[in-house]
Amino acid sequence: MELPLEAVALFSLKLVYETEGQSPLLRDDPAMDAYQREVFALLVRNGDVEALQCKVNECLVLALDAVGGAESVMGRELQKLADDFRQAATIEQLHAPLIALKDYLKAIQ
């Protein structure tokens, strides 16, 4: 589960910070410090759903702004997927909405 969490953070931050003609944002970039696999692994081990949702939400808020907000076509879909993720109550329930978020963010890169 840690890898998809890190991927959602990475794809979200890529939307925010990557600009055409500049170096791509990578997993070891300072912008990713708080969203690395090890950070997510600790939260998963502790079963801290709320902290996981908070961490991912930080990135999704930035990504939503980068795609034009909740009123844009991409923003509405991102908001819907983010809401599904926020409604999960257990680690197991996070998995399906997390994969959907990852796939969507990857597709809109």
PDB file of N, CA and C in Angstrom:
ATOM      1  N   MET A   1       0.817  -1.197   0.000  1.00  0.00           N
ATOM      2  CA  MET A   1       0.000   0.000   0.000  1.00  0.00           C
ATOM      3  C   MET A   1       0.861   1.261   0.000  1.00  0.00           C
ATOM      4  N   GLU A   2       2.073   1.176   0.520  1.00  0.00           N
ATOM      5  CA  GLU A   2       2.921   2.357   0.602  1.00  0.00           C
ATOM      6  C   GLU A   2       3.278   2.914  -0.777  1.00  0.00           C
ATOM      7  N   LEU A   3       3.510   2.031  -1.722  1.00  0.00           N
ATOM      8  CA  LEU A   3       3.891   2.480  -3.066  1.00  0.00           C
ATOM      9  C   LEU A   3       2.782   3.291  -3.737  1.00  0.00           C
ATOM     10  N   PRO A   4       1.521   2.836  -3.717  1.00  0.00           N
ATOM     11  CA  PRO A   4       0.464   3.680  -4.306  1.00  0.00           C
ATOM     12  C   PRO A   4       0.274   5.013  -3.572  1.00  0.00           C
ATOM     13  N   LEU A   5       0.475   5.009  -2.249  1.00  0.00           N
ATOM     14  CA  LEU A   5       0.372   6.264  -1.501  1.00  0.00           C
ATOM     15  C   LEU A   5       1.445   7.241  -1.962  1.00  0.00           C
ATOM     16  N   GLU A   6       2.663   6.742  -2.083  1.00  0.00           N
ATOM     17  CA  GLU A   6       3.759   7.581  -2.548  1.00  0.00           C
ATOM     18  C   GLU A   6       3.512   8.045  -3.988  1.00  0.00           C
ATOM     19  N   ALA A   7       2.966   7.168  -4.815  1.00  0.00           N
ATOM     20  CA  ALA A   7       2.687   7.514  -6.213  1.00  0.00           C
ATOM     21  C   ALA A   7       1.637   8.616  -6.315  1.00  0.00           C
ATOM     22  N   VAL A   8       0.589   8.546  -5.502  1.00  0.00           N
ATOM     23  CA  VAL A   8      -0.438   9.600  -5.499  1.00  0.00           C
ATOM     24  C   VAL A   8       0.193  10.931  -5.110  1.00  0.00           C
ATOM     25  N   ALA A   9       1.037  10.919  -4.084  1.00  0.00           N
ATOM     26  CA  ALA A   9       1.712  12.149  -3.677  1.00  0.00           C
ATOM     27  C   ALA A   9       2.601  12.665  -4.806  1.00  0.00           C
ATOM     28  N   LEU A  10       3.385  11.776  -5.406  1.00  0.00           N
ATOM     29  CA  LEU A  10       4.293  12.175  -6.471  1.00  0.00           C
ATOM     30  C   LEU A  10       3.536  12.741  -7.674  1.00  0.00           C
ATOM     31  N   PHE A  11       2.512  12.047  -8.136  1.00  0.00           N
ATOM     32  CA  PHE A  11       1.760  12.525  -9.296  1.00  0.00           C
ATOM     33  C   PHE A  11       1.054  13.844  -9.003  1.00  0.00           C
ATOM     34  N   SER A  12       0.568  14.002  -7.776  1.00  0.00           N
ATOM     35  CA  SER A  12      -0.069  15.265  -7.392  1.00  0.00           C
ATOM     36  C   SER A  12       0.932  16.401  -7.434  1.00  0.00           C
ATOM     37  N   LEU A  13       2.096  16.180  -6.827  1.00  0.00           N
ATOM     38  CA  LEU A  13       3.104  17.232  -6.770  1.00  0.00           C
ATOM     39  C   LEU A  13       3.711  17.516  -8.141  1.00  0.00           C
ATOM     40  N   LYS A  14       3.734  16.513  -9.015  1.00  0.00           N
ATOM     41  CA  LYS A  14       4.195  16.743 -10.387  1.00  0.00           C
ATOM     42  C   LYS A  14       3.276  17.755 -11.085  1.00  0.00           C
ATOM     43  N   LEU A  15       1.972  17.634 -10.859  1.00  0.00           N
ATOM     44  CA  LEU A  15       1.029  18.586 -11.457  1.00  0.00           C
ATOM     45  C   LEU A  15       1.308  20.009 -10.982  1.00  0.00           C
ATOM     46  N   VAL A  16       1.729  20.121  -9.743  1.00  0.00           N
ATOM     47  CA  VAL A  16       1.939  21.427  -9.136  1.00  0.00           C
ATOM     48  C   VAL A  16       3.284  22.029  -9.528  1.00  0.00           C
ATOM     49  N   TYR A  17       4.342  21.243  -9.438  1.00  0.00           N
ATOM     50  CA  TYR A  17       5.691  21.795  -9.528  1.00  0.00           C
ATOM     51  C   TYR A  17       6.405  21.601 -10.859  1.00  0.00           C
ATOM     52  N   GLU A  18       6.002  20.632 -11.661  1.00  0.00           N
ATOM     53  CA  GLU A  18       6.708  20.419 -12.922  1.00  0.00           C
ATOM     54  C   GLU A  18       6.234  21.411 -13.972  1.00  0.00           C
ATOM     55  N   THR A  19       7.192  21.996 -14.633  1.00  0.00           N
ATOM     56  CA  THR A  19       6.872  22.875 -15.745  1.00  0.00           C
ATOM     57  C   THR A  19       7.628  22.376 -16.966  1.00  0.00           C
ATOM     58  N   GLU A  20       7.070  22.656 -18.114  1.00  0.00           N
ATOM     59  CA  GLU A  20       7.666  22.186 -19.361  1.00  0.00           C
ATOM     60  C   GLU A  20       9.076  22.752 -19.526  1.00  0.00           C
ATOM     61  N   GLY A  21       9.997  21.879 -19.901  1.00  0.00           N
ATOM     62  CA  GLY A  21      11.365  22.293 -20.138  1.00  0.00           C
ATOM     63  C   GLY A  21      12.259  22.271 -18.915  1.00  0.00           C
ATOM     64  N   GLN A  22      11.716  21.918 -17.760  1.00  0.00           N
ATOM     65  CA  GLN A  22      12.519  21.847 -16.542  1.00  0.00           C
ATOM     66  C   GLN A  22      12.672  20.402 -16.105  1.00  0.00           C
ATOM     67  N   SER A  23      13.554  20.188 -15.156  1.00  0.00           N
ATOM     68  CA  SER A  23      13.795  18.841 -14.642  1.00  0.00           C
ATOM     69  C   SER A  23      12.521  18.280 -14.024  1.00  0.00           C
ATOM     70  N   PRO A  24      12.273  16.983 -14.227  1.00  0.00           N
ATOM     71  CA  PRO A  24      11.079  16.379 -13.634  1.00  0.00           C
ATOM     72  C   PRO A  24      11.225  16.222 -12.128  1.00  0.00           C
ATOM     73  N   LEU A  25      10.101  16.219 -11.455  1.00  0.00           N
ATOM     74  CA  LEU A  25      10.064  15.960 -10.019  1.00  0.00           C
ATOM     75  C   LEU A  25      10.256  14.459  -9.815  1.00  0.00           C
ATOM     76  N   LEU A  26      11.183  14.093  -8.966  1.00  0.00           N
ATOM     77  CA  LEU A  26      11.478  12.688  -8.694  1.00  0.00           C
ATOM     78  C   LEU A  26      11.173  12.353  -7.241  1.00  0.00           C
ATOM     79  N   ARG A  27      11.144  11.060  -6.932  1.00  0.00           N
ATOM     80  CA  ARG A  27      10.829  10.616  -5.576  1.00  0.00           C
ATOM     81  C   ARG A  27      11.795  11.155  -4.521  1.00  0.00           C
ATOM     82  N   ASP A  28      13.049  11.421  -4.911  1.00  0.00           N
ATOM     83  CA  ASP A  28      14.020  11.915  -3.928  1.00  0.00           C
ATOM     84  C   ASP A  28      14.102  13.439  -3.892  1.00  0.00           C
ATOM     85  N   ASP A  29      13.188  14.124  -4.563  1.00  0.00           N
ATOM     86  CA  ASP A  29      13.136  15.572  -4.561  1.00  0.00           C
ATOM     87  C   ASP A  29      12.735  16.066  -3.165  1.00  0.00           C
ATOM     88  N   PRO A  30      13.273  17.207  -2.728  1.00  0.00           N
ATOM     89  CA  PRO A  30      12.895  17.737  -1.405  1.00  0.00           C
ATOM     90  C   PRO A  30      11.393  17.951  -1.223  1.00  0.00           C
ATOM     91  N   ALA A  31      10.663  18.224  -2.302  1.00  0.00           N
ATOM     92  CA  ALA A  31       9.205  18.400  -2.196  1.00  0.00           C
ATOM     93  C   ALA A  31       8.516  17.125  -1.731  1.00  0.00           C
ATOM     94  N   MET A  32       9.192  15.986  -1.908  1.00  0.00           N
ATOM     95  CA  MET A  32       8.617  14.682  -1.539  1.00  0.00           C
ATOM     96  C   MET A  32       9.024  14.221  -0.141  1.00  0.00           C
ATOM     97  N   ASP A  33       9.812  15.015   0.580  1.00  0.00           N
ATOM     98  CA  ASP A  33      10.327  14.579   1.886  1.00  0.00           C
ATOM     99  C   ASP A  33       9.250  14.050   2.825  1.00  0.00           C
ATOM    100  N   ALA A  34       8.148  14.735   2.928  1.00  0.00           N
ATOM    101  CA  ALA A  34       7.092  14.334   3.869  1.00  0.00           C
ATOM    102  C   ALA A  34       6.180  13.245   3.307  1.00  0.00           C
ATOM    103  N   TYR A  35       6.428  12.835   2.058  1.00  0.00           N
ATOM    104  CA  TYR A  35       5.523  11.894   1.383  1.00  0.00           C
ATOM    105  C   TYR A  35       6.264  10.663   0.854  1.00  0.00           C
ATOM    106  N   GLN A  36       7.345  10.306   1.487  1.00  0.00           N
ATOM    107  CA  GLN A  36       8.120   9.156   1.044  1.00  0.00           C
ATOM    108  C   GLN A  36       7.511   7.858   1.548  1.00  0.00           C
ATOM    109  N   ARG A  37       7.858   6.797   0.874  1.00  0.00           N
ATOM    110  CA  ARG A  37       7.324   5.468   1.163  1.00  0.00           C
ATOM    111  C   ARG A  37       7.475   5.102   2.643  1.00  0.00           C
ATOM    112  N   GLU A  38       8.615   5.441   3.242  1.00  0.00           N
ATOM    113  CA  GLU A  38       8.853   5.095   4.650  1.00  0.00           C
ATOM    114  C   GLU A  38       7.882   5.801   5.586  1.00  0.00           C
ATOM    115  N   VAL A  39       7.561   7.047   5.255  1.00  0.00           N
ATOM    116  CA  VAL A  39       6.589   7.801   6.060  1.00  0.00           C
ATOM    117  C   VAL A  39       5.230   7.112   5.986  1.00  0.00           C
ATOM    118  N   PHE A  40       4.813   6.751   4.788  1.00  0.00           N
ATOM    119  CA  PHE A  40       3.530   6.072   4.622  1.00  0.00           C
ATOM    120  C   PHE A  40       3.550   4.686   5.255  1.00  0.00           C
ATOM    121  N   ALA A  41       4.681   3.991   5.184  1.00  0.00           N
ATOM    122  CA  ALA A  41       4.787   2.646   5.754  1.00  0.00           C
ATOM    123  C   ALA A  41       4.536   2.689   7.262  1.00  0.00           C
ATOM    124  N   LEU A  42       5.087   3.666   7.931  1.00  0.00           N
ATOM    125  CA  LEU A  42       4.882   3.807   9.370  1.00  0.00           C
ATOM    126  C   LEU A  42       3.407   4.037   9.688  1.00  0.00           C
ATOM    127  N   LEU A  43       2.760   4.900   8.921  1.00  0.00           N
ATOM    128  CA  LEU A  43       1.336   5.177   9.155  1.00  0.00           C
ATOM    129  C   LEU A  43       0.474   3.949   8.871  1.00  0.00           C
ATOM    130  N   VAL A  44       0.821   3.199   7.833  1.00  0.00           N
ATOM    131  CA  VAL A  44       0.085   1.973   7.511  1.00  0.00           C
ATOM    132  C   VAL A  44       0.258   0.957   8.635  1.00  0.00           C
ATOM    133  N   ARG A  45       1.494   0.767   9.092  1.00  0.00           N
ATOM    134  CA  ARG A  45       1.751  -0.187  10.195  1.00  0.00           C
ATOM    135  C   ARG A  45       0.968   0.170  11.443  1.00  0.00           C
ATOM    136  N   ASN A  46       0.842   1.475  11.695  1.00  0.00           N
ATOM    137  CA  ASN A  46       0.101   1.933  12.866  1.00  0.00           C
ATOM    138  C   ASN A  46      -1.409   1.938  12.644  1.00  0.00           C
ATOM    139  N   GLY A  47      -1.839   1.678  11.420  1.00  0.00           N
ATOM    140  CA  GLY A  47      -3.264   1.672  11.110  1.00  0.00           C
ATOM    141  C   GLY A  47      -3.897   3.047  11.208  1.00  0.00           C
ATOM    142  N   ASP A  48      -3.116   4.080  11.006  1.00  0.00           N
ATOM    143  CA  ASP A  48      -3.569   5.462  11.177  1.00  0.00           C
ATOM    144  C   ASP A  48      -4.214   5.991   9.891  1.00  0.00           C
ATOM    145  N   VAL A  49      -5.456   5.609   9.682  1.00  0.00           N
ATOM    146  CA  VAL A  49      -6.202   5.991   8.480  1.00  0.00           C
ATOM    147  C   VAL A  49      -6.331   7.503   8.384  1.00  0.00           C
ATOM    148  N   GLU A  50      -6.631   8.141   9.483  1.00  0.00           N
ATOM    149  CA  GLU A  50      -6.826   9.591   9.482  1.00  0.00           C
ATOM    150  C   GLU A  50      -5.550  10.325   9.068  1.00  0.00           C
ATOM    151  N   ALA A  51      -4.404   9.904   9.561  1.00  0.00           N
ATOM    152  CA  ALA A  51      -3.136  10.544   9.191  1.00  0.00           C
ATOM    153  C   ALA A  51      -2.817  10.293   7.722  1.00  0.00           C
ATOM    154  N   LEU A  52      -3.099   9.091   7.235  1.00  0.00           N
ATOM    155  CA  LEU A  52      -2.884   8.784   5.818  1.00  0.00           C
ATOM    156  C   LEU A  52      -3.755   9.677   4.947  1.00  0.00           C
ATOM    157  N   GLN A  53      -5.008   9.797   5.327  1.00  0.00           N
ATOM    158  CA  GLN A  53      -5.919  10.638   4.551  1.00  0.00           C
ATOM    159  C   GLN A  53      -5.476  12.103   4.585  1.00  0.00           C
ATOM    160  N   CYS A  54      -4.995  12.546   5.711  1.00  0.00           N
ATOM    161  CA  CYS A  54      -4.524  13.922   5.848  1.00  0.00           C
ATOM    162  C   CYS A  54      -3.310  14.163   4.951  1.00  0.00           C
ATOM    163  N   LYS A  55      -2.342  13.260   4.981  1.00  0.00           N
ATOM    164  CA  LYS A  55      -1.131  13.385   4.157  1.00  0.00           C
ATOM    165  C   LYS A  55      -1.481  13.430   2.671  1.00  0.00           C
ATOM    166  N   VAL A  56      -2.313  12.502   2.242  1.00  0.00           N
ATOM    167  CA  VAL A  56      -2.698  12.456   0.834  1.00  0.00           C
ATOM    168  C   VAL A  56      -3.519  13.692   0.478  1.00  0.00           C
ATOM    169  N   ASN A  57      -4.385  14.104   1.365  1.00  0.00           N
ATOM    170  CA  ASN A  57      -5.220  15.280   1.113  1.00  0.00           C
ATOM    171  C   ASN A  57      -4.372  16.535   0.901  1.00  0.00           C
ATOM    172  N   GLU A  58      -3.260  16.665   1.631  1.00  0.00           N
ATOM    173  CA  GLU A  58      -2.374  17.814   1.445  1.00  0.00           C
ATOM    174  C   GLU A  58      -1.951  17.921  -0.018  1.00  0.00           C
ATOM    175  N   CYS A  59      -1.603  16.802  -0.603  1.00  0.00           N
ATOM    176  CA  CYS A  59      -1.163  16.772  -2.001  1.00  0.00           C
ATOM    177  C   CYS A  59      -2.331  16.990  -2.955  1.00  0.00           C
ATOM    178  N   LEU A  60      -3.472  16.389  -2.630  1.00  0.00           N
ATOM    179  CA  LEU A  60      -4.630  16.494  -3.516  1.00  0.00           C
ATOM    180  C   LEU A  60      -5.171  17.917  -3.591  1.00  0.00           C
ATOM    181  N   VAL A  61      -5.109  18.641  -2.494  1.00  0.00           N
ATOM    182  CA  VAL A  61      -5.544  20.038  -2.495  1.00  0.00           C
ATOM    183  C   VAL A  61      -4.692  20.845  -3.464  1.00  0.00           C
ATOM    184  N   LEU A  62      -3.386  20.621  -3.437  1.00  0.00           N
ATOM    185  CA  LEU A  62      -2.480  21.306  -4.358  1.00  0.00           C
ATOM    186  C   LEU A  62      -2.767  20.904  -5.805  1.00  0.00           C
ATOM    187  N   ALA A  63      -2.965  19.604  -6.030  1.00  0.00           N
ATOM    188  CA  ALA A  63      -3.239  19.106  -7.379  1.00  0.00           C
ATOM    189  C   ALA A  63      -4.554  19.665  -7.909  1.00  0.00           C
ATOM    190  N   LEU A  64      -5.552  19.736  -7.056  1.00  0.00           N
ATOM    191  CA  LEU A  64      -6.852  20.269  -7.463  1.00  0.00           C
ATOM    192  C   LEU A  64      -6.708  21.714  -7.943  1.00  0.00           C
ATOM    193  N   ASP A  65      -5.944  22.485  -7.227  1.00  0.00           N
ATOM    194  CA  ASP A  65      -5.690  23.868  -7.638  1.00  0.00           C
ATOM    195  C   ASP A  65      -4.939  23.905  -8.969  1.00  0.00           C
ATOM    196  N   ALA A  66      -3.988  22.992  -9.147  1.00  0.00           N
ATOM    197  CA  ALA A  66      -3.180  22.958 -10.376  1.00  0.00           C
ATOM    198  C   ALA A  66      -3.998  22.609 -11.618  1.00  0.00           C
ATOM    199  N   VAL A  67      -5.087  21.866 -11.443  1.00  0.00           N
ATOM    200  CA  VAL A  67      -5.919  21.496 -12.595  1.00  0.00           C
ATOM    201  C   VAL A  67      -7.092  22.453 -12.808  1.00  0.00           C
ATOM    202  N   GLY A  68      -7.104  23.544 -12.070  1.00  0.00           N
ATOM    203  CA  GLY A  68      -8.135  24.554 -12.290  1.00  0.00           C
ATOM    204  C   GLY A  68      -9.248  24.569 -11.274  1.00  0.00           C
ATOM    205  N   GLY A  69      -9.085  23.848 -10.182  1.00  0.00           N
ATOM    206  CA  GLY A  69     -10.088  23.856  -9.129  1.00  0.00           C
ATOM    207  C   GLY A  69     -11.207  22.862  -9.362  1.00  0.00           C
ATOM    208  N   ALA A  70     -12.113  22.801  -8.409  1.00  0.00           N
ATOM    209  CA  ALA A  70     -13.197  21.822  -8.427  1.00  0.00           C
ATOM    210  C   ALA A  70     -14.239  22.096  -9.505  1.00  0.00           C
ATOM    211  N   GLU A  71     -14.178  23.260 -10.132  1.00  0.00           N
ATOM    212  CA  GLU A  71     -15.150  23.592 -11.178  1.00  0.00           C
ATOM    213  C   GLU A  71     -14.686  23.158 -12.565  1.00  0.00           C
ATOM    214  N   SER A  72     -13.404  22.807 -12.704  1.00  0.00           N
ATOM    215  CA  SER A  72     -12.911  22.349 -14.001  1.00  0.00           C
ATOM    216  C   SER A  72     -13.306  20.885 -14.210  1.00  0.00           C
ATOM    217  N   VAL A  73     -13.251  20.423 -15.428  1.00  0.00           N
ATOM    218  CA  VAL A  73     -13.609  19.030 -15.730  1.00  0.00           C
ATOM    219  C   VAL A  73     -12.704  18.074 -14.971  1.00  0.00           C
ATOM    220  N   MET A  74     -11.389  18.290 -15.078  1.00  0.00           N
ATOM    221  CA  MET A  74     -10.457  17.409 -14.368  1.00  0.00           C
ATOM    222  C   MET A  74     -10.598  17.556 -12.860  1.00  0.00           C
ATOM    223  N   GLY A  75     -10.866  18.765 -12.418  1.00  0.00           N
ATOM    224  CA  GLY A  75     -11.030  19.024 -10.991  1.00  0.00           C
ATOM    225  C   GLY A  75     -12.237  18.316 -10.398  1.00  0.00           C
ATOM    226  N   ARG A  76     -13.326  18.287 -11.136  1.00  0.00           N
ATOM    227  CA  ARG A  76     -14.523  17.594 -10.637  1.00  0.00           C
ATOM    228  C   ARG A  76     -14.257  16.105 -10.454  1.00  0.00           C
ATOM    229  N   GLU A  77     -13.580  15.509 -11.426  1.00  0.00           N
ATOM    230  CA  GLU A  77     -13.270  14.081 -11.317  1.00  0.00           C
ATOM    231  C   GLU A  77     -12.286  13.828 -10.171  1.00  0.00           C
ATOM    232  N   LEU A  78     -11.276  14.679 -10.062  1.00  0.00           N
ATOM    233  CA  LEU A  78     -10.308  14.531  -8.973  1.00  0.00           C
ATOM    234  C   LEU A  78     -10.997  14.688  -7.625  1.00  0.00           C
ATOM    235  N   GLN A  79     -11.894  15.647  -7.517  1.00  0.00           N
ATOM    236  CA  GLN A  79     -12.641  15.866  -6.271  1.00  0.00           C
ATOM    237  C   GLN A  79     -13.479  14.642  -5.912  1.00  0.00           C
ATOM    238  N   LYS A  80     -14.130  14.065  -6.894  1.00  0.00           N
ATOM    239  CA  LYS A  80     -14.949  12.867  -6.662  1.00  0.00           C
ATOM    240  C   LYS A  80     -14.086  11.713  -6.143  1.00  0.00           C
ATOM    241  N   LEU A  81     -12.963  11.485  -6.794  1.00  0.00           N
ATOM    242  CA  LEU A  81     -12.069  10.407  -6.371  1.00  0.00           C
ATOM    243  C   LEU A  81     -11.481  10.680  -4.984  1.00  0.00           C
ATOM    244  N   ALA A  82     -11.147  11.939  -4.730  1.00  0.00           N
ATOM    245  CA  ALA A  82     -10.616  12.311  -3.414  1.00  0.00           C
ATOM    246  C   ALA A  82     -11.663  12.108  -2.326  1.00  0.00           C
ATOM    247  N   ASP A  83     -12.906  12.437  -2.620  1.00  0.00           N
ATOM    248  CA  ASP A  83     -13.989  12.225  -1.645  1.00  0.00           C
ATOM    249  C   ASP A  83     -14.150  10.744  -1.319  1.00  0.00           C
ATOM    250  N   ASP A  84     -14.056   9.892  -2.332  1.00  0.00           N
ATOM    251  CA  ASP A  84     -14.131   8.445  -2.092  1.00  0.00           C
ATOM    252  C   ASP A  84     -13.007   7.999  -1.158  1.00  0.00           C
ATOM    253  N   PHE A  85     -11.813   8.522  -1.372  1.00  0.00           N
ATOM    254  CA  PHE A  85     -10.659   8.191  -0.533  1.00  0.00           C
ATOM    255  C   PHE A  85     -10.874   8.672   0.904  1.00  0.00           C
ATOM    256  N   ARG A  86     -11.412   9.866   1.056  1.00  0.00           N
ATOM    257  CA  ARG A  86     -11.623  10.445   2.394  1.00  0.00           C
ATOM    258  C   ARG A  86     -12.699   9.707   3.190  1.00  0.00           C
ATOM    259  N   GLN A  87     -13.599   9.006   2.501  1.00  0.00           N
ATOM    260  CA  GLN A  87     -14.687   8.318   3.184  1.00  0.00           C
ATOM    261  C   GLN A  87     -14.293   6.952   3.735  1.00  0.00           C
ATOM    262  N   ALA A  88     -13.137   6.458   3.370  1.00  0.00           N
ATOM    263  CA  ALA A  88     -12.696   5.153   3.860  1.00  0.00           C
ATOM    264  C   ALA A  88     -12.462   5.217   5.363  1.00  0.00           C
ATOM    265  N   ALA A  89     -12.878   4.158   6.045  1.00  0.00           N
ATOM    266  CA  ALA A  89     -12.739   4.121   7.501  1.00  0.00           C
ATOM    267  C   ALA A  89     -11.644   3.166   7.974  1.00  0.00           C
ATOM    268  N   THR A  90     -11.178   2.291   7.089  1.00  0.00           N
ATOM    269  CA  THR A  90     -10.135   1.332   7.459  1.00  0.00           C
ATOM    270  C   THR A  90      -9.039   1.339   6.395  1.00  0.00           C
ATOM    271  N   ILE A  91      -7.904   0.765   6.750  1.00  0.00           N
ATOM    272  CA  ILE A  91      -6.792   0.647   5.800  1.00  0.00           C
ATOM    273  C   ILE A  91      -7.251  -0.126   4.566  1.00  0.00           C
ATOM    274  N   GLU A  92      -8.001  -1.178   4.772  1.00  0.00           N
ATOM    275  CA  GLU A  92      -8.469  -2.007   3.656  1.00  0.00           C
ATOM    276  C   GLU A  92      -9.377  -1.221   2.726  1.00  0.00           C
ATOM    277  N   GLN A  93     -10.198  -0.361   3.290  1.00  0.00           N
ATOM    278  CA  GLN A  93     -11.118   0.439   2.479  1.00  0.00           C
ATOM    279  C   GLN A  93     -10.409   1.547   1.702  1.00  0.00           C
ATOM    280  N   LEU A  94      -9.190   1.880   2.091  1.00  0.00           N
ATOM    281  CA  LEU A  94      -8.422   2.902   1.380  1.00  0.00           C
ATOM    282  C   LEU A  94      -7.913   2.409   0.029  1.00  0.00           C
ATOM    283  N   HIS A  95      -7.730   1.100  -0.099  1.00  0.00           N
ATOM    284  CA  HIS A  95      -7.028   0.548  -1.252  1.00  0.00           C
ATOM    285  C   HIS A  95      -7.689   0.884  -2.598  1.00  0.00           C
ATOM    286  N   ALA A  96      -8.939   0.569  -2.786  1.00  0.00           N
ATOM    287  CA  ALA A  96      -9.603   0.792  -4.084  1.00  0.00           C
ATOM    288  C   ALA A  96      -9.630   2.274  -4.477  1.00  0.00           C
ATOM    289  N   PRO A  97     -10.048   3.185  -3.581  1.00  0.00           N
ATOM    290  CA  PRO A  97     -10.036   4.595  -3.975  1.00  0.00           C
ATOM    291  C   PRO A  97      -8.616   5.129  -4.202  1.00  0.00           C
ATOM    292  N   LEU A  98      -7.651   4.579  -3.486  1.00  0.00           N
ATOM    293  CA  LEU A  98      -6.261   4.987  -3.671  1.00  0.00           C
ATOM    294  C   LEU A  98      -5.762   4.617  -5.068  1.00  0.00           C
ATOM    295  N   ILE A  99      -6.070   3.414  -5.496  1.00  0.00           N
ATOM    296  CA  ILE A  99      -5.661   2.976  -6.836  1.00  0.00           C
ATOM    297  C   ILE A  99      -6.350   3.832  -7.902  1.00  0.00           C
ATOM    298  N   ALA A 100      -7.616   4.144  -7.693  1.00  0.00           N
ATOM    299  CA  ALA A 100      -8.334   4.998  -8.647  1.00  0.00           C
ATOM    300  C   ALA A 100      -7.695   6.390  -8.721  1.00  0.00           C
ATOM    301  N   LEU A 101      -7.320   6.942  -7.582  1.00  0.00           N
ATOM    302  CA  LEU A 101      -6.637   8.237  -7.564  1.00  0.00           C
ATOM    303  C   LEU A 101      -5.301   8.160  -8.293  1.00  0.00           C
ATOM    304  N   LYS A 102      -4.524   7.142  -8.000  1.00  0.00           N
ATOM    305  CA  LYS A 102      -3.218   6.973  -8.628  1.00  0.00           C
ATOM    306  C   LYS A 102      -3.353   6.898 -10.145  1.00  0.00           C
ATOM    307  N   ASP A 103      -4.274   6.075 -10.590  1.00  0.00           N
ATOM    308  CA  ASP A 103      -4.476   5.901 -12.036  1.00  0.00           C
ATOM    309  C   ASP A 103      -4.920   7.203 -12.700  1.00  0.00           C
ATOM    310  N   TYR A 104      -5.826   7.928 -12.053  1.00  0.00           N
ATOM    311  CA  TYR A 104      -6.311   9.175 -12.628  1.00  0.00           C
ATOM    312  C   TYR A 104      -5.199  10.220 -12.689  1.00  0.00           C
ATOM    313  N   LEU A 105      -4.467  10.373 -11.600  1.00  0.00           N
ATOM    314  CA  LEU A 105      -3.385  11.361 -11.574  1.00  0.00           C
ATOM    315  C   LEU A 105      -2.303  11.031 -12.592  1.00  0.00           C
ATOM    316  N   LYS A 106      -2.021   9.756 -12.753  1.00  0.00           N
ATOM    317  CA  LYS A 106      -1.029   9.335 -13.749  1.00  0.00           C
ATOM    318  C   LYS A 106      -1.527   9.693 -15.153  1.00  0.00           C
ATOM    319  N   ALA A 107      -2.807   9.475 -15.387  1.00  0.00           N
ATOM    320  CA  ALA A 107      -3.381   9.728 -16.709  1.00  0.00           C
ATOM    321  C   ALA A 107      -3.391  11.209 -17.078  1.00  0.00           C
ATOM    322  N   ILE A 108      -3.534  12.086 -16.120  1.00  0.00           N
ATOM    323  CA  ILE A 108      -3.614  13.525 -16.435  1.00  0.00           C
ATOM    324  C   ILE A 108      -2.272  14.229 -16.393  1.00  0.00           C
ATOM    325  N   GLN A 109      -1.207  13.483 -16.185  1.00  0.00           N
ATOM    326  CA  GLN A 109       0.139  14.079 -16.185  1.00  0.00           C
ATOM    327  C   GLN A 109       0.446  14.722 -17.494  1.00  0.00           C
TER     328      GLN A 109
END
